Amino acid sequence: MLNTTNAQRILDDLSPLLKTFREDLHRNPELSWHEFRTTDKIHEALSSAGYSNISRPLETGLVADYIIDPALPFILLRADIDALPI
């Protein structure tokens, strides 16, 4: 079971990796419908984290399912990955 101490340890371990990932995406912005590198990077990160059910219905963007128990409720997350032309 995941307790608060274990969760904090996991977050502490992942923090540098997530910070580097975020900084890389922000250094390489891509406008709408041109997020090819960003999609590749997200796919690569999810794959290396153990996600196997990843689909790419379009060239930009992806869908990743992480199901622990199909009988349990689920959470849906949606995120924009495009940059603004400023």
C-alpha atoms as a PDB file:
ATOM      1  CA  MET A   1       0.000   0.000   0.000  1.00  0.00           C
ATOM      2  CA  LEU A   2       1.187   3.525  -0.782  1.00  0.00           C
ATOM      3  CA  ASN A   3       1.441   5.602   2.371  1.00  0.00           C
ATOM      4  CA  THR A   4       2.339   9.268   2.723  1.00  0.00           C
ATOM      5  CA  THR A   5       6.006   8.552   3.431  1.00  0.00           C
ATOM      6  CA  ASN A   6       6.363   6.299   0.381  1.00  0.00           C
ATOM      7  CA  ALA A   7       4.496   8.771  -1.827  1.00  0.00           C
ATOM      8  CA  GLN A   8       6.775  11.605  -0.688  1.00  0.00           C
ATOM      9  CA  ARG A   9       9.866   9.501  -1.362  1.00  0.00           C
ATOM     10  CA  ILE A  10       8.599   8.712  -4.880  1.00  0.00           C
ATOM     11  CA  LEU A  11       7.910  12.405  -5.532  1.00  0.00           C
ATOM     12  CA  ASP A  12      11.328  13.383  -4.193  1.00  0.00           C
ATOM     13  CA  ASP A  13      12.982  10.822  -6.467  1.00  0.00           C
ATOM     14  CA  LEU A  14      10.998  11.956  -9.530  1.00  0.00           C
ATOM     15  CA  SER A  15      11.278  15.690  -8.926  1.00  0.00           C
ATOM     16  CA  PRO A  16      14.612  16.285 -10.724  1.00  0.00           C
ATOM     17  CA  LEU A  17      13.494  14.172 -13.693  1.00  0.00           C
ATOM     18  CA  LEU A  18      10.160  15.985 -13.967  1.00  0.00           C
ATOM     19  CA  LYS A  19      11.855  19.375 -13.670  1.00  0.00           C
ATOM     20  CA  THR A  20      14.287  18.520 -16.481  1.00  0.00           C
ATOM     21  CA  PHE A  21      11.429  17.183 -18.627  1.00  0.00           C
ATOM     22  CA  ARG A  22       9.370  20.357 -18.115  1.00  0.00           C
ATOM     23  CA  GLU A  23      12.334  22.626 -18.847  1.00  0.00           C
ATOM     24  CA  ASP A  24      13.105  20.721 -22.055  1.00  0.00           C
ATOM     25  CA  LEU A  25       9.520  21.081 -23.307  1.00  0.00           C
ATOM     26  CA  HIS A  26       9.538  24.796 -22.522  1.00  0.00           C
ATOM     27  CA  ARG A  27      12.876  25.296 -24.311  1.00  0.00           C
ATOM     28  CA  ASN A  28      11.433  23.649 -27.425  1.00  0.00           C
ATOM     29  CA  PRO A  29       7.924  25.075 -27.867  1.00  0.00           C
ATOM     30  CA  GLU A  30       5.735  23.936 -30.747  1.00  0.00           C
ATOM     31  CA  LEU A  31       2.571  25.606 -32.043  1.00  0.00           C
ATOM     32  CA  SER A  32      -0.793  23.841 -32.440  1.00  0.00           C
ATOM     33  CA  TRP A  33      -0.795  20.864 -34.800  1.00  0.00           C
ATOM     34  CA  HIS A  34       3.022  20.982 -34.931  1.00  0.00           C
ATOM     35  CA  GLU A  35       3.796  19.316 -31.585  1.00  0.00           C
ATOM     36  CA  PHE A  36       5.668  16.400 -33.154  1.00  0.00           C
ATOM     37  CA  ARG A  37       8.728  16.530 -30.880  1.00  0.00           C
ATOM     38  CA  THR A  38       6.594  17.200 -27.811  1.00  0.00           C
ATOM     39  CA  THR A  39       4.375  14.202 -28.572  1.00  0.00           C
ATOM     40  CA  ASP A  40       7.456  12.019 -29.111  1.00  0.00           C
ATOM     41  CA  LYS A  41       8.956  13.175 -25.804  1.00  0.00           C
ATOM     42  CA  ILE A  42       5.740  12.495 -23.877  1.00  0.00           C
ATOM     43  CA  HIS A  43       5.384   9.078 -25.513  1.00  0.00           C
ATOM     44  CA  GLU A  44       9.004   8.253 -24.660  1.00  0.00           C
ATOM     45  CA  ALA A  45       8.565   9.363 -21.031  1.00  0.00           C
ATOM     46  CA  LEU A  46       5.357   7.383 -20.534  1.00  0.00           C
ATOM     47  CA  SER A  47       6.847   4.289 -22.168  1.00  0.00           C
ATOM     48  CA  SER A  48       9.935   4.422 -19.980  1.00  0.00           C
ATOM     49  CA  ALA A  49       7.657   4.814 -16.927  1.00  0.00           C
ATOM     50  CA  GLY A  50       5.954   1.541 -17.793  1.00  0.00           C
ATOM     51  CA  TYR A  51       2.835   2.687 -19.628  1.00  0.00           C
ATOM     52  CA  SER A  52       2.143   0.199 -22.388  1.00  0.00           C
ATOM     53  CA  ASN A  53      -1.354   1.168 -23.537  1.00  0.00           C
ATOM     54  CA  ILE A  54      -0.451   4.349 -25.439  1.00  0.00           C
ATOM     55  CA  SER A  55      -2.170   5.318 -28.660  1.00  0.00           C
ATOM     56  CA  ARG A  56      -1.553   8.152 -31.073  1.00  0.00           C
ATOM     57  CA  PRO A  57      -4.855   8.824 -32.823  1.00  0.00           C
ATOM     58  CA  LEU A  58      -3.276  11.849 -34.501  1.00  0.00           C
ATOM     59  CA  GLU A  59       0.308  12.801 -35.308  1.00  0.00           C
ATOM     60  CA  THR A  60       0.245  15.307 -32.473  1.00  0.00           C
ATOM     61  CA  GLY A  61      -1.033  14.255 -29.079  1.00  0.00           C
ATOM     62  CA  LEU A  62      -1.624  10.878 -27.535  1.00  0.00           C
ATOM     63  CA  VAL A  63      -3.835   8.875 -25.219  1.00  0.00           C
ATOM     64  CA  ALA A  64      -2.427   6.763 -22.388  1.00  0.00           C
ATOM     65  CA  ASP A  65      -4.504   4.397 -20.271  1.00  0.00           C
ATOM     66  CA  TYR A  66      -3.216   3.310 -16.891  1.00  0.00           C
ATOM     67  CA  ILE A  67      -5.735   0.956 -15.349  1.00  0.00           C
ATOM     68  CA  ILE A  68      -4.994  -0.551 -11.956  1.00  0.00           C
ATOM     69  CA  ASP A  69      -8.386  -2.213 -11.489  1.00  0.00           C
ATOM     70  CA  PRO A  70     -11.201  -1.848 -14.049  1.00  0.00           C
ATOM     71  CA  ALA A  71     -13.742  -2.123 -11.223  1.00  0.00           C
ATOM     72  CA  LEU A  72     -12.465   1.036  -9.560  1.00  0.00           C
ATOM     73  CA  PRO A  73     -13.440   4.588 -10.539  1.00  0.00           C
ATOM     74  CA  PHE A  74     -11.048   6.320 -12.905  1.00  0.00           C
ATOM     75  CA  ILE A  75      -9.612   9.785 -13.381  1.00  0.00           C
ATOM     76  CA  LEU A  76      -9.393  11.476 -16.751  1.00  0.00           C
ATOM     77  CA  LEU A  77      -6.683  14.071 -17.346  1.00  0.00           C
ATOM     78  CA  ARG A  78      -6.412  16.329 -20.357  1.00  0.00           C
ATOM     79  CA  ALA A  79      -3.541  18.677 -21.064  1.00  0.00           C
ATOM     80  CA  ASP A  80      -2.659  21.088 -23.831  1.00  0.00           C
ATOM     81  CA  ILE A  81       0.846  20.607 -25.207  1.00  0.00           C
ATOM     82  CA  ASP A  82       0.997  23.455 -27.712  1.00  0.00           C
ATOM     83  CA  ALA A  83       2.807  26.732 -27.249  1.00  0.00           C
ATOM     84  CA  LEU A  84       1.343  30.182 -27.728  1.00  0.00           C
ATOM     85  CA  PRO A  85       2.806  32.322 -30.537  1.00  0.00           C
ATOM     86  CA  ILE A  86       4.035  35.191 -28.376  1.00  0.00           C
END
